[in-house]
């Protein structure tokens, strides 16, 4: 993979079916993802070893992390430490978020890339 890539050229993967689609760029120890979340969707509570930082780009989400719940819009951020429970619910417009994980999301390697398609964000 080139060190300089336009995110629109990266094929998406279905992380939670059609509810969560991600385009990822990976380093040796970090994963950067632009994630498209479907309208009125739920990502059920889960945990992973990866630390996760993120920010809402478009739309609104209701995030619960380690028992704390908050509604976030564009510019809202989160921090999820390793192994902590978290879940997310989107609003009627869905959302686009950026997520950064360390170490890399090796568990995402099992997902087959989808056919190329234009991203929701950035829009042309």
PDB file of N, CA and C in Angstrom:
ATOM      1  N   UNK A   1       0.854  -1.182   0.000  1.00  0.00           N
ATOM      2  CA  UNK A   1       0.000   0.000   0.000  1.00  0.00           C
ATOM      3  C   UNK A   1       0.896   1.240   0.000  1.00  0.00           C
ATOM      4  N   UNK A   2       0.496   2.220  -0.750  1.00  0.00           N
ATOM      5  CA  UNK A   2       1.206   3.489  -0.783  1.00  0.00           C
ATOM      6  C   UNK A   2       1.080   4.204   0.561  1.00  0.00           C
ATOM      7  N   UNK A   3       2.015   5.067   0.856  1.00  0.00           N
ATOM      8  CA  UNK A   3       1.943   5.879   2.063  1.00  0.00           C
ATOM      9  C   UNK A   3       1.010   7.076   1.899  1.00  0.00           C
ATOM     10  N   UNK A   4       0.565   7.345   0.668  1.00  0.00           N
ATOM     11  CA  UNK A   4      -0.324   8.471   0.374  1.00  0.00           C
ATOM     12  C   UNK A   4      -1.526   7.943  -0.388  1.00  0.00           C
ATOM     13  N   UNK A   5      -2.694   7.939   0.260  1.00  0.00           N
ATOM     14  CA  UNK A   5      -3.889   7.321  -0.317  1.00  0.00           C
ATOM     15  C   UNK A   5      -5.091   8.227  -0.082  1.00  0.00           C
ATOM     16  N   UNK A   6      -5.947   8.362  -1.083  1.00  0.00           N
ATOM     17  CA  UNK A   6      -7.228   9.048  -0.929  1.00  0.00           C
ATOM     18  C   UNK A   6      -8.215   8.032  -0.369  1.00  0.00           C
ATOM     19  N   UNK A   7      -8.879   8.355   0.724  1.00  0.00           N
ATOM     20  CA  UNK A   7      -9.769   7.402   1.400  1.00  0.00           C
ATOM     21  C   UNK A   7     -10.861   6.878   0.470  1.00  0.00           C
ATOM     22  N   UNK A   8     -11.250   7.657  -0.529  1.00  0.00           N
ATOM     23  CA  UNK A   8     -12.307   7.208  -1.452  1.00  0.00           C
ATOM     24  C   UNK A   8     -11.853   6.031  -2.314  1.00  0.00           C
ATOM     25  N   UNK A   9     -10.545   5.771  -2.404  1.00  0.00           N
ATOM     26  CA  UNK A   9     -10.047   4.643  -3.202  1.00  0.00           C
ATOM     27  C   UNK A   9      -9.908   3.365  -2.383  1.00  0.00           C
ATOM     28  N   UNK A  10     -10.131   3.454  -1.085  1.00  0.00           N
ATOM     29  CA  UNK A  10     -10.003   2.292  -0.204  1.00  0.00           C
ATOM     30  C   UNK A  10     -11.332   1.549  -0.176  1.00  0.00           C
ATOM     31  N   UNK A  11     -11.350   0.251  -0.528  1.00  0.00           N
ATOM     32  CA  UNK A  11     -12.627  -0.474  -0.505  1.00  0.00           C
ATOM     33  C   UNK A  11     -13.149  -0.627   0.919  1.00  0.00           C
ATOM     34  N   UNK A  12     -14.458  -0.449   1.116  1.00  0.00           N
ATOM     35  CA  UNK A  12     -15.030  -0.612   2.462  1.00  0.00           C
ATOM     36  C   UNK A  12     -15.142  -2.083   2.840  1.00  0.00           C
ATOM     37  N   UNK A  13     -15.268  -2.309   4.144  1.00  0.00           N
ATOM     38  CA  UNK A  13     -15.577  -3.641   4.676  1.00  0.00           C
ATOM     39  C   UNK A  13     -16.799  -3.509   5.575  1.00  0.00           C
ATOM     40  N   UNK A  14     -17.602  -4.561   5.631  1.00  0.00           N
ATOM     41  CA  UNK A  14     -18.739  -4.609   6.557  1.00  0.00           C
ATOM     42  C   UNK A  14     -18.232  -5.135   7.893  1.00  0.00           C
ATOM     43  N   UNK A  15     -18.175  -4.272   8.890  1.00  0.00           N
ATOM     44  CA  UNK A  15     -17.698  -4.676  10.208  1.00  0.00           C
ATOM     45  C   UNK A  15     -18.834  -5.276  11.035  1.00  0.00           C
ATOM     46  N   UNK A  16     -20.015  -4.660  10.984  1.00  0.00           N
ATOM     47  CA  UNK A  16     -21.228  -5.174  11.654  1.00  0.00           C
ATOM     48  C   UNK A  16     -22.329  -5.229  10.597  1.00  0.00           C
ATOM     49  N   UNK A  17     -22.099  -5.951   9.517  1.00  0.00           N
ATOM     50  CA  UNK A  17     -23.065  -5.992   8.425  1.00  0.00           C
ATOM     51  C   UNK A  17     -23.195  -4.612   7.814  1.00  0.00           C
ATOM     52  N   UNK A  18     -24.362  -4.298   7.289  1.00  0.00           N
ATOM     53  CA  UNK A  18     -24.578  -3.002   6.643  1.00  0.00           C
ATOM     54  C   UNK A  18     -24.656  -1.852   7.654  1.00  0.00           C
ATOM     55  N   UNK A  19     -24.713  -2.168   8.930  1.00  0.00           N
ATOM     56  CA  UNK A  19     -24.819  -1.138   9.975  1.00  0.00           C
ATOM     57  C   UNK A  19     -23.518  -0.353  10.104  1.00  0.00           C
ATOM     58  N   UNK A  20     -22.377  -1.030   9.987  1.00  0.00           N
ATOM     59  CA  UNK A  20     -21.065  -0.398  10.163  1.00  0.00           C
ATOM     60  C   UNK A  20     -20.169  -0.791   9.000  1.00  0.00           C
ATOM     61  N   UNK A  21     -19.835   0.190   8.175  1.00  0.00           N
ATOM     62  CA  UNK A  21     -18.899  -0.026   7.071  1.00  0.00           C
ATOM     63  C   UNK A  21     -17.681   0.856   7.285  1.00  0.00           C
ATOM     64  N   UNK A  22     -16.507   0.263   7.160  1.00  0.00           N
ATOM     65  CA  UNK A  22     -15.272   0.999   7.448  1.00  0.00           C
ATOM     66  C   UNK A  22     -14.313   0.942   6.268  1.00  0.00           C
ATOM     67  N   UNK A  23     -13.579   2.015   6.103  1.00  0.00           N
ATOM     68  CA  UNK A  23     -12.436   2.071   5.186  1.00  0.00           C
ATOM     69  C   UNK A  23     -11.224   2.295   6.081  1.00  0.00           C
ATOM     70  N   UNK A  24     -10.253   1.398   6.016  1.00  0.00           N
ATOM     71  CA  UNK A  24      -9.144   1.472   6.965  1.00  0.00           C
ATOM     72  C   UNK A  24      -7.797   1.648   6.285  1.00  0.00           C
ATOM     73  N   UNK A  25      -6.958   2.375   6.983  1.00  0.00           N
ATOM     74  CA  UNK A  25      -5.563   2.544   6.615  1.00  0.00           C
ATOM     75  C   UNK A  25      -4.780   2.008   7.811  1.00  0.00           C
ATOM     76  N   UNK A  26      -3.795   1.155   7.545  1.00  0.00           N
ATOM     77  CA  UNK A  26      -3.073   0.560   8.662  1.00  0.00           C
ATOM     78  C   UNK A  26      -1.586   0.862   8.620  1.00  0.00           C
ATOM     79  N   UNK A  27      -1.052   1.118   9.794  1.00  0.00           N
ATOM     80  CA  UNK A  27       0.386   1.213   9.986  1.00  0.00           C
ATOM     81  C   UNK A  27       0.876  -0.086  10.585  1.00  0.00           C
ATOM     82  N   UNK A  28       2.057  -0.068  11.139  1.00  0.00           N
ATOM     83  CA  UNK A  28       2.582  -1.275  11.772  1.00  0.00           C
ATOM     84  C   UNK A  28       1.891  -1.574  13.097  1.00  0.00           C
ATOM     85  N   UNK A  29       1.443  -0.513  13.818  1.00  0.00           N
ATOM     86  CA  UNK A  29       0.853  -0.713  15.139  1.00  0.00           C
ATOM     87  C   UNK A  29      -0.430   0.084  15.358  1.00  0.00           C
ATOM     88  N   UNK A  30      -1.014   0.616  14.283  1.00  0.00           N
ATOM     89  CA  UNK A  30      -2.183   1.486  14.443  1.00  0.00           C
ATOM     90  C   UNK A  30      -3.118   1.318  13.242  1.00  0.00           C
ATOM     91  N   UNK A  31      -4.414   1.412  13.498  1.00  0.00           N
ATOM     92  CA  UNK A  31      -5.435   1.392  12.440  1.00  0.00           C
ATOM     93  C   UNK A  31      -6.196   2.704  12.483  1.00  0.00           C
ATOM     94  N   UNK A  32      -6.321   3.353  11.327  1.00  0.00           N
ATOM     95  CA  UNK A  32      -7.121   4.563  11.136  1.00  0.00           C
ATOM     96  C   UNK A  32      -8.303   4.160  10.274  1.00  0.00           C
ATOM     97  N   UNK A  33      -9.522   4.507  10.686  1.00  0.00           N
ATOM     98  CA  UNK A  33     -10.701   4.102   9.924  1.00  0.00           C
ATOM     99  C   UNK A  33     -11.696   5.247   9.808  1.00  0.00           C
ATOM    100  N   UNK A  34     -12.251   5.396   8.606  1.00  0.00           N
ATOM    101  CA  UNK A  34     -13.408   6.254   8.393  1.00  0.00           C
ATOM    102  C   UNK A  34     -14.591   5.296   8.341  1.00  0.00           C
ATOM    103  N   UNK A  35     -15.528   5.482   9.278  1.00  0.00           N
ATOM    104  CA  UNK A  35     -16.601   4.515   9.493  1.00  0.00           C
ATOM    105  C   UNK A  35     -17.943   5.152   9.182  1.00  0.00           C
ATOM    106  N   UNK A  36     -18.721   4.487   8.323  1.00  0.00           N
ATOM    107  CA  UNK A  36     -20.071   4.922   7.968  1.00  0.00           C
ATOM    108  C   UNK A  36     -21.062   4.097   8.781  1.00  0.00           C
ATOM    109  N   UNK A  37     -21.903   4.786   9.558  1.00  0.00           N
ATOM    110  CA  UNK A  37     -22.885   4.135  10.416  1.00  0.00           C
ATOM    111  C   UNK A  37     -24.286   4.391   9.861  1.00  0.00           C
ATOM    112  N   UNK A  38     -25.052   3.338   9.668  1.00  0.00           N
ATOM    113  CA  UNK A  38     -26.386   3.442   9.077  1.00  0.00           C
ATOM    114  C   UNK A  38     -27.336   4.211   9.991  1.00  0.00           C
ATOM    115  N   UNK A  39     -28.385   4.821   9.406  1.00  0.00           N
ATOM    116  CA  UNK A  39     -29.387   5.528  10.211  1.00  0.00           C
ATOM    117  C   UNK A  39     -30.074   4.592  11.209  1.00  0.00           C
ATOM    118  N   UNK A  40     -30.394   5.139  12.382  1.00  0.00           N
ATOM    119  CA  UNK A  40     -31.137   4.417  13.421  1.00  0.00           C
ATOM    120  C   UNK A  40     -30.576   3.019  13.682  1.00  0.00           C
ATOM    121  N   UNK A  41     -29.264   2.935  13.809  1.00  0.00           N
ATOM    122  CA  UNK A  41     -28.642   1.630  14.008  1.00  0.00           C
ATOM    123  C   UNK A  41     -28.059   1.502  15.411  1.00  0.00           C
ATOM    124  N   UNK A  42     -27.806   0.260  15.783  1.00  0.00           N
ATOM    125  CA  UNK A  42     -27.250  -0.053  17.095  1.00  0.00           C
ATOM    126  C   UNK A  42     -26.010  -0.905  16.906  1.00  0.00           C
ATOM    127  N   UNK A  43     -24.929  -0.489  17.526  1.00  0.00           N
ATOM    128  CA  UNK A  43     -23.746  -1.338  17.659  1.00  0.00           C
ATOM    129  C   UNK A  43     -23.784  -1.823  19.105  1.00  0.00           C
ATOM    130  N   UNK A  44     -24.123  -3.097  19.307  1.00  0.00           N
ATOM    131  CA  UNK A  44     -24.336  -3.586  20.672  1.00  0.00           C
ATOM    132  C   UNK A  44     -23.058  -3.547  21.514  1.00  0.00           C
ATOM    133  N   UNK A  45     -23.261  -3.586  22.834  1.00  0.00           N
ATOM    134  CA  UNK A  45     -22.110  -3.548  23.740  1.00  0.00           C
ATOM    135  C   UNK A  45     -21.103  -4.627  23.369  1.00  0.00           C
ATOM    136  N   UNK A  46     -19.849  -4.226  23.350  1.00  0.00           N
ATOM    137  CA  UNK A  46     -18.754  -5.142  23.064  1.00  0.00           C
ATOM    138  C   UNK A  46     -17.479  -4.586  23.689  1.00  0.00           C
ATOM    139  N   UNK A  47     -16.423  -5.367  23.622  1.00  0.00           N
ATOM    140  CA  UNK A  47     -15.108  -4.989  24.146  1.00  0.00           C
ATOM    141  C   UNK A  47     -14.058  -5.520  23.185  1.00  0.00           C
ATOM    142  N   UNK A  48     -12.912  -4.887  23.175  1.00  0.00           N
ATOM    143  CA  UNK A  48     -11.773  -5.406  22.421  1.00  0.00           C
ATOM    144  C   UNK A  48     -10.491  -4.953  23.092  1.00  0.00           C
ATOM    145  N   UNK A  49      -9.407  -5.638  22.759  1.00  0.00           N
ATOM    146  CA  UNK A  49      -8.118  -5.317  23.373  1.00  0.00           C
ATOM    147  C   UNK A  49      -7.584  -3.963  22.915  1.00  0.00           C
ATOM    148  N   UNK A  50      -8.035  -3.499  21.762  1.00  0.00           N
ATOM    149  CA  UNK A  50      -7.509  -2.264  21.184  1.00  0.00           C
ATOM    150  C   UNK A  50      -7.985  -1.045  21.950  1.00  0.00           C
ATOM    151  N   UNK A  51      -7.072  -0.109  22.208  1.00  0.00           N
ATOM    152  CA  UNK A  51      -7.499   1.213  22.644  1.00  0.00           C
ATOM    153  C   UNK A  51      -8.098   1.899  21.430  1.00  0.00           C
ATOM    154  N   UNK A  52      -9.057   2.786  21.650  1.00  0.00           N
ATOM    155  CA  UNK A  52      -9.776   3.419  20.549  1.00  0.00           C
ATOM    156  C   UNK A  52     -10.005   4.891  20.868  1.00  0.00           C
ATOM    157  N   UNK A  53      -9.675   5.740  19.911  1.00  0.00           N
ATOM    158  CA  UNK A  53     -10.012   7.158  19.967  1.00  0.00           C
ATOM    159  C   UNK A  53     -10.860   7.455  18.745  1.00  0.00           C
ATOM    160  N   UNK A  54     -11.814   8.383  18.863  1.00  0.00           N
ATOM    161  CA  UNK A  54     -12.646   8.682  17.708  1.00  0.00           C
ATOM    162  C   UNK A  54     -13.261  10.055  17.770  1.00  0.00           C
ATOM    163  N   UNK A  55     -13.859  10.430  16.632  1.00  0.00           N
ATOM    164  CA  UNK A  55     -14.529  11.721  16.526  1.00  0.00           C
ATOM    165  C   UNK A  55     -15.651  11.636  15.491  1.00  0.00           C
ATOM    166  N   UNK A  56     -16.782  12.275  15.796  1.00  0.00           N
ATOM    167  CA  UNK A  56     -17.899  12.360  14.854  1.00  0.00           C
ATOM    168  C   UNK A  56     -17.556  13.400  13.787  1.00  0.00           C
ATOM    169  N   UNK A  57     -17.763  13.024  12.530  1.00  0.00           N
ATOM    170  CA  UNK A  57     -17.572  13.939  11.403  1.00  0.00           C
ATOM    171  C   UNK A  57     -18.916  14.497  10.945  1.00  0.00           C
ATOM    172  N   UNK A  58     -19.895  13.599  10.744  1.00  0.00           N
ATOM    173  CA  UNK A  58     -21.246  14.012  10.366  1.00  0.00           C
ATOM    174  C   UNK A  58     -22.258  13.182  11.155  1.00  0.00           C
ATOM    175  N   UNK A  59     -23.448  13.735  11.365  1.00  0.00           N
ATOM    176  CA  UNK A  59     -24.519  13.015  12.045  1.00  0.00           C
ATOM    177  C   UNK A  59     -24.405  13.108  13.556  1.00  0.00           C
ATOM    178  N   UNK A  60     -25.157  12.240  14.221  1.00  0.00           N
ATOM    179  CA  UNK A  60     -25.181  12.224  15.686  1.00  0.00           C
ATOM    180  C   UNK A  60     -25.152  10.773  16.156  1.00  0.00           C
ATOM    181  N   UNK A  61     -24.506  10.557  17.297  1.00  0.00           N
ATOM    182  CA  UNK A  61     -24.461   9.238  17.912  1.00  0.00           C
ATOM    183  C   UNK A  61     -24.704   9.380  19.406  1.00  0.00           C
ATOM    184  N   UNK A  62     -25.234   8.331  20.004  1.00  0.00           N
ATOM    185  CA  UNK A  62     -25.330   8.244  21.466  1.00  0.00           C
ATOM    186  C   UNK A  62     -24.376   7.127  21.874  1.00  0.00           C
ATOM    187  N   UNK A  63     -23.313   7.489  22.547  1.00  0.00           N
ATOM    188  CA  UNK A  63     -22.257   6.566  22.922  1.00  0.00           C
ATOM    189  C   UNK A  63     -22.368   6.253  24.403  1.00  0.00           C
ATOM    190  N   UNK A  64     -22.230   4.986  24.758  1.00  0.00           N
ATOM    191  CA  UNK A  64     -22.100   4.588  26.153  1.00  0.00           C
ATOM    192  C   UNK A  64     -20.760   3.879  26.278  1.00  0.00           C
ATOM    193  N   UNK A  65     -19.907   4.428  27.147  1.00  0.00           N
ATOM    194  CA  UNK A  65     -18.576   3.872  27.365  1.00  0.00           C
ATOM    195  C   UNK A  65     -18.385   3.683  28.858  1.00  0.00           C
ATOM    196  N   UNK A  66     -18.196   2.435  29.241  1.00  0.00           N
ATOM    197  CA  UNK A  66     -17.908   2.118  30.637  1.00  0.00           C
ATOM    198  C   UNK A  66     -18.957   2.723  31.573  1.00  0.00           C
ATOM    199  N   UNK A  67     -20.242   2.692  31.143  1.00  0.00           N
ATOM    200  CA  UNK A  67     -21.344   3.178  31.965  1.00  0.00           C
ATOM    201  C   UNK A  67     -21.687   4.650  31.807  1.00  0.00           C
ATOM    202  N   UNK A  68     -20.886   5.424  31.086  1.00  0.00           N
ATOM    203  CA  UNK A  68     -21.151   6.854  30.848  1.00  0.00           C
ATOM    204  C   UNK A  68     -21.794   7.013  29.468  1.00  0.00           C
ATOM    205  N   UNK A  69     -22.946   7.703  29.403  1.00  0.00           N
ATOM    206  CA  UNK A  69     -23.661   7.894  28.143  1.00  0.00           C
ATOM    207  C   UNK A  69     -23.701   9.366  27.796  1.00  0.00           C
ATOM    208  N   UNK A  70     -23.496   9.645  26.493  1.00  0.00           N
ATOM    209  CA  UNK A  70     -23.541  11.029  26.027  1.00  0.00           C
ATOM    210  C   UNK A  70     -23.889  11.053  24.545  1.00  0.00           C
ATOM    211  N   UNK A  71     -24.669  12.067  24.148  1.00  0.00           N
ATOM    212  CA  UNK A  71     -24.955  12.275  22.728  1.00  0.00           C
ATOM    213  C   UNK A  71     -23.859  13.172  22.161  1.00  0.00           C
ATOM    214  N   UNK A  72     -23.340  12.771  21.001  1.00  0.00           N
ATOM    215  CA  UNK A  72     -22.251  13.500  20.361  1.00  0.00           C
ATOM    216  C   UNK A  72     -22.611  13.846  18.926  1.00  0.00           C
ATOM    217  N   UNK A  73     -22.280  15.058  18.516  1.00  0.00           N
ATOM    218  CA  UNK A  73     -22.423  15.493  17.132  1.00  0.00           C
ATOM    219  C   UNK A  73     -21.045  15.780  16.558  1.00  0.00           C
ATOM    220  N   UNK A  74     -20.990  16.431  15.393  1.00  0.00           N
ATOM    221  CA  UNK A  74     -19.708  16.716  14.770  1.00  0.00           C
ATOM    222  C   UNK A  74     -18.735  17.398  15.737  1.00  0.00           C
ATOM    223  N   UNK A  75     -17.537  16.844  15.808  1.00  0.00           N
ATOM    224  CA  UNK A  75     -16.521  17.342  16.712  1.00  0.00           C
ATOM    225  C   UNK A  75     -16.493  16.630  18.050  1.00  0.00           C
ATOM    226  N   UNK A  76     -17.550  15.869  18.380  1.00  0.00           N
ATOM    227  CA  UNK A  76     -17.564  15.100  19.620  1.00  0.00           C
ATOM    228  C   UNK A  76     -16.554  13.969  19.552  1.00  0.00           C
ATOM    229  N   UNK A  77     -15.845  13.732  20.647  1.00  0.00           N
ATOM    230  CA  UNK A  77     -14.792  12.724  20.660  1.00  0.00           C
ATOM    231  C   UNK A  77     -15.024  11.678  21.735  1.00  0.00           C
ATOM    232  N   UNK A  78     -14.296  10.558  21.619  1.00  0.00           N
ATOM    233  CA  UNK A  78     -14.348   9.515  22.625  1.00  0.00           C
ATOM    234  C   UNK A  78     -12.980   8.873  22.799  1.00  0.00           C
ATOM    235  N   UNK A  79     -12.844   8.269  23.973  1.00  0.00           N
ATOM    236  CA  UNK A  79     -11.657   7.509  24.340  1.00  0.00           C
ATOM    237  C   UNK A  79     -12.145   6.218  24.967  1.00  0.00           C
ATOM    238  N   UNK A  80     -11.713   5.099  24.421  1.00  0.00           N
ATOM    239  CA  UNK A  80     -12.097   3.794  24.960  1.00  0.00           C
ATOM    240  C   UNK A  80     -10.806   3.047  25.289  1.00  0.00           C
ATOM    241  N   UNK A  81     -10.611   2.773  26.561  1.00  0.00           N
ATOM    242  CA  UNK A  81      -9.425   2.043  26.980  1.00  0.00           C
ATOM    243  C   UNK A  81      -9.596   0.552  26.688  1.00  0.00           C
ATOM    244  N   UNK A  82      -8.516  -0.158  26.648  1.00  0.00           N
ATOM    245  CA  UNK A  82      -8.508  -1.581  26.334  1.00  0.00           C
ATOM    246  C   UNK A  82      -9.452  -2.358  27.253  1.00  0.00           C
ATOM    247  N   UNK A  83     -10.303  -3.198  26.634  1.00  0.00           N
ATOM    248  CA  UNK A  83     -11.171  -4.093  27.380  1.00  0.00           C
ATOM    249  C   UNK A  83     -12.401  -3.465  28.018  1.00  0.00           C
ATOM    250  N   UNK A  84     -12.657  -2.178  27.777  1.00  0.00           N
ATOM    251  CA  UNK A  84     -13.794  -1.502  28.409  1.00  0.00           C
ATOM    252  C   UNK A  84     -15.062  -1.679  27.564  1.00  0.00           C
ATOM    253  N   UNK A  85     -16.220  -1.880  28.193  1.00  0.00           N
ATOM    254  CA  UNK A  85     -17.467  -2.062  27.451  1.00  0.00           C
ATOM    255  C   UNK A  85     -17.930  -0.754  26.816  1.00  0.00           C
ATOM    256  N   UNK A  86     -18.453  -0.872  25.596  1.00  0.00           N
ATOM    257  CA  UNK A  86     -18.983   0.300  24.906  1.00  0.00           C
ATOM    258  C   UNK A  86     -20.025  -0.114  23.881  1.00  0.00           C
ATOM    259  N   UNK A  87     -20.982   0.803  23.621  1.00  0.00           N
ATOM    260  CA  UNK A  87     -22.025   0.594  22.619  1.00  0.00           C
ATOM    261  C   UNK A  87     -22.382   1.939  22.021  1.00  0.00           C
ATOM    262  N   UNK A  88     -23.047   1.897  20.867  1.00  0.00           N
ATOM    263  CA  UNK A  88     -23.350   3.116  20.142  1.00  0.00           C
ATOM    264  C   UNK A  88     -24.701   2.990  19.454  1.00  0.00           C
ATOM    265  N   UNK A  89     -25.451   4.088  19.424  1.00  0.00           N
ATOM    266  CA  UNK A  89     -26.730   4.177  18.705  1.00  0.00           C
ATOM    267  C   UNK A  89     -26.667   5.427  17.840  1.00  0.00           C
ATOM    268  N   UNK A  90     -27.069   5.306  16.575  1.00  0.00           N
ATOM    269  CA  UNK A  90     -27.069   6.471  15.689  1.00  0.00           C
ATOM    270  C   UNK A  90     -28.448   7.085  15.606  1.00  0.00           C
ATOM    271  N   UNK A  91     -28.484   8.333  15.168  1.00  0.00           N
ATOM    272  CA  UNK A  91     -29.733   9.036  14.945  1.00  0.00           C
ATOM    273  C   UNK A  91     -30.308   8.720  13.573  1.00  0.00           C
ATOM    274  N   UNK A  92     -31.388   9.406  13.190  1.00  0.00           N
ATOM    275  CA  UNK A  92     -32.075   9.119  11.931  1.00  0.00           C
ATOM    276  C   UNK A  92     -31.247   9.430  10.685  1.00  0.00           C
ATOM    277  N   UNK A  93     -30.212  10.241  10.794  1.00  0.00           N
ATOM    278  CA  UNK A  93     -29.364  10.554   9.639  1.00  0.00           C
ATOM    279  C   UNK A  93     -28.145   9.648   9.555  1.00  0.00           C
ATOM    280  N   UNK A  94     -27.959   8.754  10.537  1.00  0.00           N
ATOM    281  CA  UNK A  94     -26.743   7.962  10.571  1.00  0.00           C
ATOM    282  C   UNK A  94     -25.575   8.855  10.956  1.00  0.00           C
ATOM    283  N   UNK A  95     -24.370   8.384  10.708  1.00  0.00           N
ATOM    284  CA  UNK A  95     -23.196   9.171  11.069  1.00  0.00           C
ATOM    285  C   UNK A  95     -21.980   8.677  10.304  1.00  0.00           C
ATOM    286  N   UNK A  96     -20.996   9.545  10.203  1.00  0.00           N
ATOM    287  CA  UNK A  96     -19.667   9.176   9.748  1.00  0.00           C
ATOM    288  C   UNK A  96     -18.723   9.577  10.865  1.00  0.00           C
ATOM    289  N   UNK A  97     -17.864   8.637  11.262  1.00  0.00           N
ATOM    290  CA  UNK A  97     -16.918   8.892  12.343  1.00  0.00           C
ATOM    291  C   UNK A  97     -15.523   8.466  11.918  1.00  0.00           C
ATOM    292  N   UNK A  98     -14.541   9.009  12.604  1.00  0.00           N
ATOM    293  CA  UNK A  98     -13.166   8.544  12.455  1.00  0.00           C
ATOM    294  C   UNK A  98     -12.827   7.782  13.720  1.00  0.00           C
ATOM    295  N   UNK A  99     -12.247   6.595  13.550  1.00  0.00           N
ATOM    296  CA  UNK A  99     -11.777   5.789  14.673  1.00  0.00           C
ATOM    297  C   UNK A  99     -10.302   5.486  14.466  1.00  0.00           C
ATOM    298  N   UNK A 100      -9.563   5.527  15.550  1.00  0.00           N
ATOM    299  CA  UNK A 100      -8.149   5.164  15.540  1.00  0.00           C
ATOM    300  C   UNK A 100      -7.953   4.105  16.616  1.00  0.00           C
ATOM    301  N   UNK A 101      -7.309   2.999  16.244  1.00  0.00           N
ATOM    302  CA  UNK A 101      -7.115   1.870  17.151  1.00  0.00           C
ATOM    303  C   UNK A 101      -5.636   1.520  17.269  1.00  0.00           C
ATOM    304  N   UNK A 102      -5.236   1.136  18.459  1.00  0.00           N
ATOM    305  CA  UNK A 102      -3.920   0.545  18.638  1.00  0.00           C
ATOM    306  C   UNK A 102      -4.044  -0.580  19.650  1.00  0.00           C
ATOM    307  N   UNK A 103      -3.458  -1.762  19.410  1.00  0.00           N
ATOM    308  CA  UNK A 103      -2.750  -2.110  18.193  1.00  0.00           C
ATOM    309  C   UNK A 103      -3.712  -2.237  17.009  1.00  0.00           C
ATOM    310  N   UNK A 104      -3.173  -2.589  15.856  1.00  0.00           N
ATOM    311  CA  UNK A 104      -3.996  -2.691  14.649  1.00  0.00           C
ATOM    312  C   UNK A 104      -5.153  -3.662  14.865  1.00  0.00           C
ATOM    313  N   UNK A 105      -6.240  -3.445  14.105  1.00  0.00           N
ATOM    314  CA  UNK A 105      -7.430  -4.297  14.176  1.00  0.00           C
ATOM    315  C   UNK A 105      -7.228  -5.538  13.312  1.00  0.00           C
ATOM    316  N   UNK A 106      -6.402  -6.470  13.787  1.00  0.00           N
ATOM    317  CA  UNK A 106      -6.155  -7.710  13.052  1.00  0.00           C
ATOM    318  C   UNK A 106      -7.444  -8.519  12.898  1.00  0.00           C
ATOM    319  N   UNK A 107      -8.406  -8.354  13.838  1.00  0.00           N
ATOM    320  CA  UNK A 107      -9.663  -9.088  13.739  1.00  0.00           C
ATOM    321  C   UNK A 107     -10.467  -8.656  12.517  1.00  0.00           C
ATOM    322  N   UNK A 108     -10.199  -7.482  11.961  1.00  0.00           N
ATOM    323  CA  UNK A 108     -10.894  -7.027  10.758  1.00  0.00           C
ATOM    324  C   UNK A 108     -10.354  -7.687   9.493  1.00  0.00           C
ATOM    325  N   UNK A 109      -9.234  -8.385   9.579  1.00  0.00           N
ATOM    326  CA  UNK A 109      -8.666  -9.047   8.402  1.00  0.00           C
ATOM    327  C   UNK A 109      -9.604 -10.105   7.827  1.00  0.00           C
ATOM    328  N   UNK A 110     -10.508 -10.608   8.643  1.00  0.00           N
ATOM    329  CA  UNK A 110     -11.426 -11.668   8.178  1.00  0.00           C
ATOM    330  C   UNK A 110     -12.516 -11.153   7.229  1.00  0.00           C
ATOM    331  N   UNK A 111     -12.707  -9.841   7.167  1.00  0.00           N
ATOM    332  CA  UNK A 111     -13.757  -9.268   6.330  1.00  0.00           C
ATOM    333  C   UNK A 111     -13.258  -9.054   4.907  1.00  0.00           C
ATOM    334  N   UNK A 112     -14.033  -9.538   3.955  1.00  0.00           N
ATOM    335  CA  UNK A 112     -13.700  -9.357   2.539  1.00  0.00           C
ATOM    336  C   UNK A 112     -14.011  -7.925   2.123  1.00  0.00           C
ATOM    337  N   UNK A 113     -13.125  -7.292   1.365  1.00  0.00           N
ATOM    338  CA  UNK A 113     -13.440  -5.952   0.869  1.00  0.00           C
ATOM    339  C   UNK A 113     -14.681  -5.985  -0.027  1.00  0.00           C
ATOM    340  N   UNK A 114     -15.518  -4.979   0.100  1.00  0.00           N
ATOM    341  CA  UNK A 114     -16.705  -4.856  -0.740  1.00  0.00           C
ATOM    342  C   UNK A 114     -16.318  -4.254  -2.088  1.00  0.00           C
ATOM    343  N   UNK A 115     -17.252  -4.284  -3.011  1.00  0.00           N
ATOM    344  CA  UNK A 115     -17.022  -3.655  -4.314  1.00  0.00           C
ATOM    345  C   UNK A 115     -16.785  -2.160  -4.108  1.00  0.00           C
ATOM    346  N   UNK A 116     -15.931  -1.570  -4.922  1.00  0.00           N
ATOM    347  CA  UNK A 116     -15.703  -0.121  -4.789  1.00  0.00           C
ATOM    348  C   UNK A 116     -17.005   0.654  -4.880  1.00  0.00           C
ATOM    349  N   UNK A 117     -17.110   1.695  -4.069  1.00  0.00           N
ATOM    350  CA  UNK A 117     -18.281   2.567  -4.063  1.00  0.00           C
ATOM    351  C   UNK A 117     -17.856   3.910  -3.504  1.00  0.00           C
ATOM    352  N   UNK A 118     -18.546   4.967  -3.882  1.00  0.00           N
ATOM    353  CA  UNK A 118     -18.179   6.283  -3.337  1.00  0.00           C
ATOM    354  C   UNK A 118     -18.439   6.334  -1.832  1.00  0.00           C
ATOM    355  N   UNK A 119     -17.581   7.008  -1.091  1.00  0.00           N
ATOM    356  CA  UNK A 119     -17.810   7.142   0.345  1.00  0.00           C
ATOM    357  C   UNK A 119     -18.933   8.136   0.633  1.00  0.00           C
ATOM    358  N   UNK A 120     -19.550   7.992   1.806  1.00  0.00           N
ATOM    359  CA  UNK A 120     -20.539   8.967   2.259  1.00  0.00           C
ATOM    360  C   UNK A 120     -19.837  10.309   2.534  1.00  0.00           C
ATOM    361  N   UNK A 121     -18.623  10.213   3.114  1.00  0.00           N
ATOM    362  CA  UNK A 121     -17.805  11.380   3.403  1.00  0.00           C
ATOM    363  C   UNK A 121     -16.369  11.059   3.017  1.00  0.00           C
ATOM    364  N   UNK A 122     -15.656  11.903   2.396  1.00  0.00           N
ATOM    365  CA  UNK A 122     -16.106  13.230   1.936  1.00  0.00           C
ATOM    366  C   UNK A 122     -16.940  13.089   0.666  1.00  0.00           C
ATOM    367  N   UNK A 123     -17.943  13.928   0.564  1.00  0.00           N
ATOM    368  CA  UNK A 123     -18.798  13.928  -0.632  1.00  0.00           C
ATOM    369  C   UNK A 123     -18.118  14.761  -1.710  1.00  0.00           C
ATOM    370  N   UNK A 124     -18.338  14.364  -2.937  1.00  0.00           N
ATOM    371  CA  UNK A 124     -17.767  15.136  -4.063  1.00  0.00           C
ATOM    372  C   UNK A 124     -18.454  16.461  -4.224  1.00  0.00           C
TER     373      UNK A 124
END
